[in-house]
Amino acid sequence: MLYQLTLTIHGRVQGVFFRESTCAEARQLGLVGSVENNAGGTVSVVAEGPKEKLEQLKKFCQAGPPYAKVERVEEEWREIKKLGFVGFLSKSSHDN
């Protein structure tokens, strides 16, 4: 069974290599998706793959890299039939 996990991470999560670290972690776990900074200072993650690997990514995002200070993580899960991404991408807030 495949799942899609959407996370919104609040706290000091921009300018601390959160996107790059999350991207590296997701790739190591074999997940696909994207991570990007939001205008309001949060970071959004959309990841797809097996539930147990997504749980590991969520745990990583709840702590973040060394200079991050995660205050809160919102999560949304859904079952999917096939992967909607190829690889794992890091987008800056000005990418469209």
PDB file of N, CA and C in Angstrom:
ATOM      1  N   MET A   1       0.850  -1.188   0.000  1.00  0.00           N
ATOM      2  CA  MET A   1       0.000   0.000   0.000  1.00  0.00           C
ATOM      3  C   MET A   1       0.890   1.243   0.000  1.00  0.00           C
ATOM      4  N   LEU A   2       0.556   2.192  -0.838  1.00  0.00           N
ATOM      5  CA  LEU A   2       1.289   3.455  -0.914  1.00  0.00           C
ATOM      6  C   LEU A   2       0.463   4.565  -0.281  1.00  0.00           C
ATOM      7  N   TYR A   3       1.176   5.530   0.294  1.00  0.00           N
ATOM      8  CA  TYR A   3       0.532   6.662   0.945  1.00  0.00           C
ATOM      9  C   TYR A   3       1.194   7.959   0.513  1.00  0.00           C
ATOM     10  N   GLN A   4       0.429   9.037   0.662  1.00  0.00           N
ATOM     11  CA  GLN A   4       0.973  10.379   0.503  1.00  0.00           C
ATOM     12  C   GLN A   4       0.839  11.070   1.855  1.00  0.00           C
ATOM     13  N   LEU A   5       1.932  11.654   2.309  1.00  0.00           N
ATOM     14  CA  LEU A   5       1.966  12.393   3.566  1.00  0.00           C
ATOM     15  C   LEU A   5       2.281  13.846   3.258  1.00  0.00           C
ATOM     16  N   THR A   6       1.423  14.747   3.734  1.00  0.00           N
ATOM     17  CA  THR A   6       1.659  16.180   3.600  1.00  0.00           C
ATOM     18  C   THR A   6       1.929  16.735   4.985  1.00  0.00           C
ATOM     19  N   LEU A   7       3.049  17.423   5.132  1.00  0.00           N
ATOM     20  CA  LEU A   7       3.432  18.021   6.407  1.00  0.00           C
ATOM     21  C   LEU A   7       3.594  19.527   6.246  1.00  0.00           C
ATOM     22  N   THR A   8       3.176  20.273   7.250  1.00  0.00           N
ATOM     23  CA  THR A   8       3.484  21.699   7.346  1.00  0.00           C
ATOM     24  C   THR A   8       4.227  21.870   8.653  1.00  0.00           C
ATOM     25  N   ILE A   9       5.470  22.341   8.560  1.00  0.00           N
ATOM     26  CA  ILE A   9       6.330  22.448   9.722  1.00  0.00           C
ATOM     27  C   ILE A   9       6.437  23.909  10.131  1.00  0.00           C
ATOM     28  N   HIS A  10       6.134  24.171  11.406  1.00  0.00           N
ATOM     29  CA  HIS A  10       6.160  25.529  11.967  1.00  0.00           C
ATOM     30  C   HIS A  10       7.351  25.670  12.907  1.00  0.00           C
ATOM     31  N   GLY A  11       7.866  26.883  13.015  1.00  0.00           N
ATOM     32  CA  GLY A  11       8.976  27.175  13.920  1.00  0.00           C
ATOM     33  C   GLY A  11      10.091  27.863  13.158  1.00  0.00           C
ATOM     34  N   ARG A  12      11.318  27.743  13.685  1.00  0.00           N
ATOM     35  CA  ARG A  12      12.475  28.295  12.970  1.00  0.00           C
ATOM     36  C   ARG A  12      12.942  27.205  12.004  1.00  0.00           C
ATOM     37  N   VAL A  13      12.367  27.227  10.814  1.00  0.00           N
ATOM     38  CA  VAL A  13      12.605  26.152   9.851  1.00  0.00           C
ATOM     39  C   VAL A  13      13.071  26.666   8.489  1.00  0.00           C
ATOM     40  N   GLN A  14      13.242  27.960   8.354  1.00  0.00           N
ATOM     41  CA  GLN A  14      13.791  28.508   7.114  1.00  0.00           C
ATOM     42  C   GLN A  14      15.154  29.110   7.425  1.00  0.00           C
ATOM     43  N   GLY A  15      16.090  28.946   6.497  1.00  0.00           N
ATOM     44  CA  GLY A  15      17.435  29.480   6.688  1.00  0.00           C
ATOM     45  C   GLY A  15      18.297  28.600   7.587  1.00  0.00           C
ATOM     46  N   VAL A  16      17.866  27.362   7.829  1.00  0.00           N
ATOM     47  CA  VAL A  16      18.611  26.442   8.704  1.00  0.00           C
ATOM     48  C   VAL A  16      18.861  25.108   8.003  1.00  0.00           C
ATOM     49  N   PHE A  17      18.827  25.107   6.678  1.00  0.00           N
ATOM     50  CA  PHE A  17      19.039  23.911   5.853  1.00  0.00           C
ATOM     51  C   PHE A  17      17.971  22.848   6.040  1.00  0.00           C
ATOM     52  N   PHE A  18      16.751  23.269   6.398  1.00  0.00           N
ATOM     53  CA  PHE A  18      15.658  22.310   6.601  1.00  0.00           C
ATOM     54  C   PHE A  18      15.295  21.620   5.288  1.00  0.00           C
ATOM     55  N   ARG A  19      15.136  22.390   4.212  1.00  0.00           N
ATOM     56  CA  ARG A  19      14.772  21.790   2.924  1.00  0.00           C
ATOM     57  C   ARG A  19      15.824  20.796   2.450  1.00  0.00           C
ATOM     58  N   GLU A  20      17.080  21.210   2.488  1.00  0.00           N
ATOM     59  CA  GLU A  20      18.153  20.353   2.005  1.00  0.00           C
ATOM     60  C   GLU A  20      18.254  19.077   2.834  1.00  0.00           C
ATOM     61  N   SER A  21      18.156  19.201   4.152  1.00  0.00           N
ATOM     62  CA  SER A  21      18.238  18.042   5.045  1.00  0.00           C
ATOM     63  C   SER A  21      17.059  17.099   4.843  1.00  0.00           C
ATOM     64  N   THR A  22      15.873  17.665   4.678  1.00  0.00           N
ATOM     65  CA  THR A  22      14.679  16.848   4.459  1.00  0.00           C
ATOM     66  C   THR A  22      14.772  16.119   3.131  1.00  0.00           C
ATOM     67  N   CYS A  23      15.259  16.803   2.126  1.00  0.00           N
ATOM     68  CA  CYS A  23      15.416  16.203   0.799  1.00  0.00           C
ATOM     69  C   CYS A  23      16.388  15.021   0.879  1.00  0.00           C
ATOM     70  N   ALA A  24      17.503  15.208   1.547  1.00  0.00           N
ATOM     71  CA  ALA A  24      18.494  14.136   1.683  1.00  0.00           C
ATOM     72  C   ALA A  24      17.918  12.952   2.451  1.00  0.00           C
ATOM     73  N   GLU A  25      17.190  13.220   3.519  1.00  0.00           N
ATOM     74  CA  GLU A  25      16.572  12.159   4.320  1.00  0.00           C
ATOM     75  C   GLU A  25      15.546  11.385   3.494  1.00  0.00           C
ATOM     76  N   ALA A  26      14.704  12.097   2.772  1.00  0.00           N
ATOM     77  CA  ALA A  26      13.673  11.456   1.950  1.00  0.00           C
ATOM     78  C   ALA A  26      14.300  10.587   0.867  1.00  0.00           C
ATOM     79  N   ARG A  27      15.338  11.088   0.235  1.00  0.00           N
ATOM     80  CA  ARG A  27      16.015  10.309  -0.816  1.00  0.00           C
ATOM     81  C   ARG A  27      16.635   9.047  -0.221  1.00  0.00           C
ATOM     82  N   GLN A  28      17.246   9.175   0.954  1.00  0.00           N
ATOM     83  CA  GLN A  28      17.854   8.018   1.620  1.00  0.00           C
ATOM     84  C   GLN A  28      16.791   6.962   1.947  1.00  0.00           C
ATOM     85  N   LEU A  29      15.587   7.412   2.280  1.00  0.00           N
ATOM     86  CA  LEU A  29      14.489   6.504   2.595  1.00  0.00           C
ATOM     87  C   LEU A  29      13.815   5.935   1.341  1.00  0.00           C
ATOM     88  N   GLY A  30      14.181   6.462   0.164  1.00  0.00           N
ATOM     89  CA  GLY A  30      13.601   5.981  -1.081  1.00  0.00           C
ATOM     90  C   GLY A  30      12.229   6.559  -1.378  1.00  0.00           C
ATOM     91  N   LEU A  31      11.934   7.723  -0.796  1.00  0.00           N
ATOM     92  CA  LEU A  31      10.644   8.379  -1.005  1.00  0.00           C
ATOM     93  C   LEU A  31      10.716   9.341  -2.182  1.00  0.00           C
ATOM     94  N   VAL A  32       9.562   9.705  -2.717  1.00  0.00           N
ATOM     95  CA  VAL A  32       9.470  10.717  -3.762  1.00  0.00           C
ATOM     96  C   VAL A  32       8.575  11.842  -3.250  1.00  0.00           C
ATOM     97  N   GLY A  33       8.745  13.042  -3.817  1.00  0.00           N
ATOM     98  CA  GLY A  33       7.917  14.163  -3.395  1.00  0.00           C
ATOM     99  C   GLY A  33       8.654  15.479  -3.538  1.00  0.00           C
ATOM    100  N   SER A  34       8.302  16.438  -2.658  1.00  0.00           N
ATOM    101  CA  SER A  34       8.937  17.750  -2.708  1.00  0.00           C
ATOM    102  C   SER A  34       8.881  18.408  -1.336  1.00  0.00           C
ATOM    103  N   VAL A  35       9.759  19.381  -1.170  1.00  0.00           N
ATOM    104  CA  VAL A  35       9.794  20.198   0.047  1.00  0.00           C
ATOM    105  C   VAL A  35      10.019  21.638  -0.394  1.00  0.00           C
ATOM    106  N   GLU A  36       9.303  22.571   0.256  1.00  0.00           N
ATOM    107  CA  GLU A  36       9.470  23.976  -0.122  1.00  0.00           C
ATOM    108  C   GLU A  36       9.181  24.901   1.033  1.00  0.00           C
ATOM    109  N   ASN A  37       9.814  26.081   0.979  1.00  0.00           N
ATOM    110  CA  ASN A  37       9.531  27.144   1.940  1.00  0.00           C
ATOM    111  C   ASN A  37       8.228  27.822   1.554  1.00  0.00           C
ATOM    112  N   ASN A  38       7.457  28.220   2.561  1.00  0.00           N
ATOM    113  CA  ASN A  38       6.225  28.974   2.341  1.00  0.00           C
ATOM    114  C   ASN A  38       6.435  30.423   2.754  1.00  0.00           C
ATOM    115  N   ALA A  39       5.657  31.317   2.190  1.00  0.00           N
ATOM    116  CA  ALA A  39       5.777  32.742   2.478  1.00  0.00           C
ATOM    117  C   ALA A  39       5.601  33.052   3.967  1.00  0.00           C
ATOM    118  N   GLY A  40       4.793  32.301   4.680  1.00  0.00           N
ATOM    119  CA  GLY A  40       4.539  32.565   6.092  1.00  0.00           C
ATOM    120  C   GLY A  40       5.609  32.076   7.042  1.00  0.00           C
ATOM    121  N   GLY A  41       6.719  31.529   6.514  1.00  0.00           N
ATOM    122  CA  GLY A  41       7.809  31.076   7.364  1.00  0.00           C
ATOM    123  C   GLY A  41       7.758  29.594   7.701  1.00  0.00           C
ATOM    124  N   THR A  42       6.789  28.878   7.151  1.00  0.00           N
ATOM    125  CA  THR A  42       6.714  27.432   7.377  1.00  0.00           C
ATOM    126  C   THR A  42       7.389  26.698   6.221  1.00  0.00           C
ATOM    127  N   VAL A  43       7.528  25.400   6.384  1.00  0.00           N
ATOM    128  CA  VAL A  43       8.035  24.532   5.325  1.00  0.00           C
ATOM    129  C   VAL A  43       6.979  23.478   5.047  1.00  0.00           C
ATOM    130  N   SER A  44       6.717  23.217   3.769  1.00  0.00           N
ATOM    131  CA  SER A  44       5.760  22.183   3.370  1.00  0.00           C
ATOM    132  C   SER A  44       6.499  21.006   2.758  1.00  0.00           C
ATOM    133  N   VAL A  45       6.070  19.806   3.137  1.00  0.00           N
ATOM    134  CA  VAL A  45       6.621  18.571   2.600  1.00  0.00           C
ATOM    135  C   VAL A  45       5.467  17.737   2.060  1.00  0.00           C
ATOM    136  N   VAL A  46       5.600  17.246   0.848  1.00  0.00           N
ATOM    137  CA  VAL A  46       4.670  16.267   0.290  1.00  0.00           C
ATOM    138  C   VAL A  46       5.533  15.080  -0.098  1.00  0.00           C
ATOM    139  N   ALA A  47       5.290  13.938   0.552  1.00  0.00           N
ATOM    140  CA  ALA A  47       6.102  12.759   0.300  1.00  0.00           C
ATOM    141  C   ALA A  47       5.196  11.559   0.025  1.00  0.00           C
ATOM    142  N   GLU A  48       5.679  10.654  -0.829  1.00  0.00           N
ATOM    143  CA  GLU A  48       4.906   9.476  -1.185  1.00  0.00           C
ATOM    144  C   GLU A  48       5.772   8.233  -1.063  1.00  0.00           C
ATOM    145  N   GLY A  49       5.141   7.140  -0.621  1.00  0.00           N
ATOM    146  CA  GLY A  49       5.844   5.873  -0.497  1.00  0.00           C
ATOM    147  C   GLY A  49       5.174   4.991   0.532  1.00  0.00           C
ATOM    148  N   PRO A  50       5.887   3.972   1.023  1.00  0.00           N
ATOM    149  CA  PRO A  50       5.341   3.083   2.044  1.00  0.00           C
ATOM    150  C   PRO A  50       5.165   3.811   3.378  1.00  0.00           C
ATOM    151  N   LYS A  51       4.130   3.453   4.107  1.00  0.00           N
ATOM    152  CA  LYS A  51       3.793   4.155   5.351  1.00  0.00           C
ATOM    153  C   LYS A  51       4.949   4.169   6.349  1.00  0.00           C
ATOM    154  N   GLU A  52       5.652   3.044   6.508  1.00  0.00           N
ATOM    155  CA  GLU A  52       6.722   2.997   7.506  1.00  0.00           C
ATOM    156  C   GLU A  52       7.867   3.954   7.164  1.00  0.00           C
ATOM    157  N   LYS A  53       8.155   4.138   5.879  1.00  0.00           N
ATOM    158  CA  LYS A  53       9.197   5.093   5.466  1.00  0.00           C
ATOM    159  C   LYS A  53       8.719   6.526   5.663  1.00  0.00           C
ATOM    160  N   LEU A  54       7.442   6.772   5.399  1.00  0.00           N
ATOM    161  CA  LEU A  54       6.876   8.110   5.627  1.00  0.00           C
ATOM    162  C   LEU A  54       6.878   8.458   7.101  1.00  0.00           C
ATOM    163  N   GLU A  55       6.625   7.470   7.962  1.00  0.00           N
ATOM    164  CA  GLU A  55       6.681   7.691   9.412  1.00  0.00           C
ATOM    165  C   GLU A  55       8.093   8.112   9.835  1.00  0.00           C
ATOM    166  N   GLN A  56       9.105   7.502   9.215  1.00  0.00           N
ATOM    167  CA  GLN A  56      10.489   7.866   9.521  1.00  0.00           C
ATOM    168  C   GLN A  56      10.792   9.291   9.085  1.00  0.00           C
ATOM    169  N   LEU A  57      10.272   9.689   7.921  1.00  0.00           N
ATOM    170  CA  LEU A  57      10.476  11.064   7.462  1.00  0.00           C
ATOM    171  C   LEU A  57       9.762  12.043   8.385  1.00  0.00           C
ATOM    172  N   LYS A  58       8.549  11.698   8.814  1.00  0.00           N
ATOM    173  CA  LYS A  58       7.814  12.565   9.737  1.00  0.00           C
ATOM    174  C   LYS A  58       8.603  12.766  11.025  1.00  0.00           C
ATOM    175  N   LYS A  59       9.160  11.687  11.551  1.00  0.00           N
ATOM    176  CA  LYS A  59       9.958  11.771  12.779  1.00  0.00           C
ATOM    177  C   LYS A  59      11.153  12.703  12.576  1.00  0.00           C
ATOM    178  N   PHE A  60      11.807  12.595  11.412  1.00  0.00           N
ATOM    179  CA  PHE A  60      12.916  13.492  11.104  1.00  0.00           C
ATOM    180  C   PHE A  60      12.440  14.948  11.108  1.00  0.00           C
ATOM    181  N   CYS A  61      11.305  15.205  10.460  1.00  0.00           N
ATOM    182  CA  CYS A  61      10.789  16.574  10.348  1.00  0.00           C
ATOM    183  C   CYS A  61      10.336  17.141  11.695  1.00  0.00           C
ATOM    184  N   GLN A  62       9.962  16.295  12.620  1.00  0.00           N
ATOM    185  CA  GLN A  62       9.558  16.768  13.940  1.00  0.00           C
ATOM    186  C   GLN A  62      10.745  17.311  14.728  1.00  0.00           C
ATOM    187  N   ALA A  63      11.948  16.892  14.373  1.00  0.00           N
ATOM    188  CA  ALA A  63      13.160  17.399  15.021  1.00  0.00           C
ATOM    189  C   ALA A  63      13.885  18.392  14.121  1.00  0.00           C
ATOM    190  N   GLY A  64      14.011  18.046  12.842  1.00  0.00           N
ATOM    191  CA  GLY A  64      14.704  18.907  11.885  1.00  0.00           C
ATOM    192  C   GLY A  64      16.208  18.833  12.044  1.00  0.00           C
ATOM    193  N   PRO A  65      16.933  19.593  11.214  1.00  0.00           N
ATOM    194  CA  PRO A  65      18.391  19.637  11.302  1.00  0.00           C
ATOM    195  C   PRO A  65      18.830  20.398  12.556  1.00  0.00           C
ATOM    196  N   PRO A  66      20.129  20.377  12.876  1.00  0.00           N
ATOM    197  CA  PRO A  66      20.612  20.934  14.150  1.00  0.00           C
ATOM    198  C   PRO A  66      20.180  22.366  14.491  1.00  0.00           C
ATOM    199  N   TYR A  67      20.121  23.280  13.529  1.00  0.00           N
ATOM    200  CA  TYR A  67      19.805  24.678  13.845  1.00  0.00           C
ATOM    201  C   TYR A  67      18.314  25.005  13.774  1.00  0.00           C
ATOM    202  N   ALA A  68      17.511  24.047  13.414  1.00  0.00           N
ATOM    203  CA  ALA A  68      16.058  24.263  13.357  1.00  0.00           C
ATOM    204  C   ALA A  68      15.466  24.188  14.758  1.00  0.00           C
ATOM    205  N   LYS A  69      14.335  24.859  14.923  1.00  0.00           N
ATOM    206  CA  LYS A  69      13.564  24.751  16.164  1.00  0.00           C
ATOM    207  C   LYS A  69      12.115  24.510  15.752  1.00  0.00           C
ATOM    208  N   VAL A  70      11.739  23.252  15.664  1.00  0.00           N
ATOM    209  CA  VAL A  70      10.399  22.880  15.235  1.00  0.00           C
ATOM    210  C   VAL A  70       9.442  23.073  16.403  1.00  0.00           C
ATOM    211  N   GLU A  71       8.398  23.860  16.170  1.00  0.00           N
ATOM    212  CA  GLU A  71       7.385  24.110  17.203  1.00  0.00           C
ATOM    213  C   GLU A  71       6.172  23.203  17.045  1.00  0.00           C
ATOM    214  N   ARG A  72       5.819  22.935  15.780  1.00  0.00           N
ATOM    215  CA  ARG A  72       4.591  22.167  15.526  1.00  0.00           C
ATOM    216  C   ARG A  72       4.640  21.605  14.115  1.00  0.00           C
ATOM    217  N   VAL A  73       4.069  20.396  13.950  1.00  0.00           N
ATOM    218  CA  VAL A  73       3.984  19.767  12.630  1.00  0.00           C
ATOM    219  C   VAL A  73       2.539  19.347  12.392  1.00  0.00           C
ATOM    220  N   GLU A  74       1.949  19.868  11.331  1.00  0.00           N
ATOM    221  CA  GLU A  74       0.613  19.444  10.913  1.00  0.00           C
ATOM    222  C   GLU A  74       0.797  18.339   9.884  1.00  0.00           C
ATOM    223  N   GLU A  75      -0.043  17.313   9.945  1.00  0.00           N
ATOM    224  CA  GLU A  75       0.093  16.209   8.998  1.00  0.00           C
ATOM    225  C   GLU A  75      -1.250  15.812   8.414  1.00  0.00           C
ATOM    226  N   GLU A  76      -1.196  15.341   7.181  1.00  0.00           N
ATOM    227  CA  GLU A  76      -2.378  14.834   6.483  1.00  0.00           C
ATOM    228  C   GLU A  76      -1.954  13.616   5.678  1.00  0.00           C
ATOM    229  N   TRP A  77      -2.668  12.512   5.859  1.00  0.00           N
ATOM    230  CA  TRP A  77      -2.370  11.260   5.180  1.00  0.00           C
ATOM    231  C   TRP A  77      -3.472  10.924   4.184  1.00  0.00           C
ATOM    232  N   ARG A  78      -3.083  10.253   3.091  1.00  0.00           N
ATOM    233  CA  ARG A  78      -4.076   9.677   2.198  1.00  0.00           C
ATOM    234  C   ARG A  78      -3.453   8.504   1.456  1.00  0.00           C
ATOM    235  N   GLU A  79      -4.289   7.510   1.168  1.00  0.00           N
ATOM    236  CA  GLU A  79      -3.852   6.370   0.372  1.00  0.00           C
ATOM    237  C   GLU A  79      -3.802   6.791  -1.084  1.00  0.00           C
ATOM    238  N   ILE A  80      -2.814   6.262  -1.805  1.00  0.00           N
ATOM    239  CA  ILE A  80      -2.707   6.539  -3.237  1.00  0.00           C
ATOM    240  C   ILE A  80      -2.507   5.224  -3.977  1.00  0.00           C
ATOM    241  N   LYS A  81      -2.866   5.211  -5.241  1.00  0.00           N
ATOM    242  CA  LYS A  81      -2.731   4.006  -6.061  1.00  0.00           C
ATOM    243  C   LYS A  81      -1.374   3.936  -6.758  1.00  0.00           C
ATOM    244  N   LYS A  82      -0.822   5.118  -7.091  1.00  0.00           N
ATOM    245  CA  LYS A  82       0.493   5.151  -7.720  1.00  0.00           C
ATOM    246  C   LYS A  82       1.198   6.444  -7.336  1.00  0.00           C
ATOM    247  N   LEU A  83       2.507   6.435  -7.458  1.00  0.00           N
ATOM    248  CA  LEU A  83       3.304   7.601  -7.100  1.00  0.00           C
ATOM    249  C   LEU A  83       3.071   8.732  -8.094  1.00  0.00           C
ATOM    250  N   GLY A  84       2.950   9.944  -7.585  1.00  0.00           N
ATOM    251  CA  GLY A  84       2.709  11.100  -8.435  1.00  0.00           C
ATOM    252  C   GLY A  84       3.953  11.933  -8.691  1.00  0.00           C
ATOM    253  N   PHE A  85       5.084  11.546  -8.100  1.00  0.00           N
ATOM    254  CA  PHE A  85       6.335  12.296  -8.244  1.00  0.00           C
ATOM    255  C   PHE A  85       7.405  11.374  -8.810  1.00  0.00           C
ATOM    256  N   VAL A  86       8.445  11.979  -9.355  1.00  0.00           N
ATOM    257  CA  VAL A  86       9.642  11.261  -9.759  1.00  0.00           C
ATOM    258  C   VAL A  86      10.784  11.905  -8.983  1.00  0.00           C
ATOM    259  N   GLY A  87      11.413  11.191  -8.064  1.00  0.00           N
ATOM    260  CA  GLY A  87      12.478  11.746  -7.256  1.00  0.00           C
ATOM    261  C   GLY A  87      11.933  12.615  -6.138  1.00  0.00           C
ATOM    262  N   PHE A  88      12.848  13.305  -5.459  1.00  0.00           N
ATOM    263  CA  PHE A  88      12.461  14.216  -4.384  1.00  0.00           C
ATOM    264  C   PHE A  88      13.104  15.569  -4.663  1.00  0.00           C
ATOM    265  N   LEU A  89      12.284  16.617  -4.749  1.00  0.00           N
ATOM    266  CA  LEU A  89      12.724  17.939  -5.154  1.00  0.00           C
ATOM    267  C   LEU A  89      12.688  18.931  -4.002  1.00  0.00           C
ATOM    268  N   SER A  90      13.624  19.852  -3.996  1.00  0.00           N
ATOM    269  CA  SER A  90      13.614  20.966  -3.057  1.00  0.00           C
ATOM    270  C   SER A  90      13.336  22.225  -3.849  1.00  0.00           C
ATOM    271  N   LYS A  91      12.252  22.923  -3.477  1.00  0.00           N
ATOM    272  CA  LYS A  91      11.868  24.142  -4.186  1.00  0.00           C
ATOM    273  C   LYS A  91      12.087  25.335  -3.284  1.00  0.00           C
ATOM    274  N   SER A  92      12.549  26.458  -3.848  1.00  0.00           N
ATOM    275  CA  SER A  92      12.634  27.688  -3.066  1.00  0.00           C
ATOM    276  C   SER A  92      11.280  28.388  -3.133  1.00  0.00           C
ATOM    277  N   SER A  93      11.061  29.340  -2.267  1.00  0.00           N
ATOM    278  CA  SER A  93       9.756  29.998  -2.183  1.00  0.00           C
ATOM    279  C   SER A  93       9.420  30.786  -3.435  1.00  0.00           C
ATOM    280  N   HIS A  94      10.416  31.097  -4.261  1.00  0.00           N
ATOM    281  CA  HIS A  94      10.129  31.865  -5.477  1.00  0.00           C
ATOM    282  C   HIS A  94       9.950  30.979  -6.690  1.00  0.00           C
ATOM    283  N   ASP A  95      10.088  29.624  -6.533  1.00  0.00           N
ATOM    284  CA  ASP A  95       9.835  28.720  -7.656  1.00  0.00           C
ATOM    285  C   ASP A  95       8.337  28.620  -7.896  1.00  0.00           C
ATOM    286  N   ASN A  96       7.956  28.397  -9.150  1.00  0.00           N
ATOM    287  CA  ASN A  96       6.531  28.203  -9.465  1.00  0.00           C
ATOM    288  C   ASN A  96       6.271  26.791  -9.886  1.00  0.00           C
TER     289      ASN A  96
END
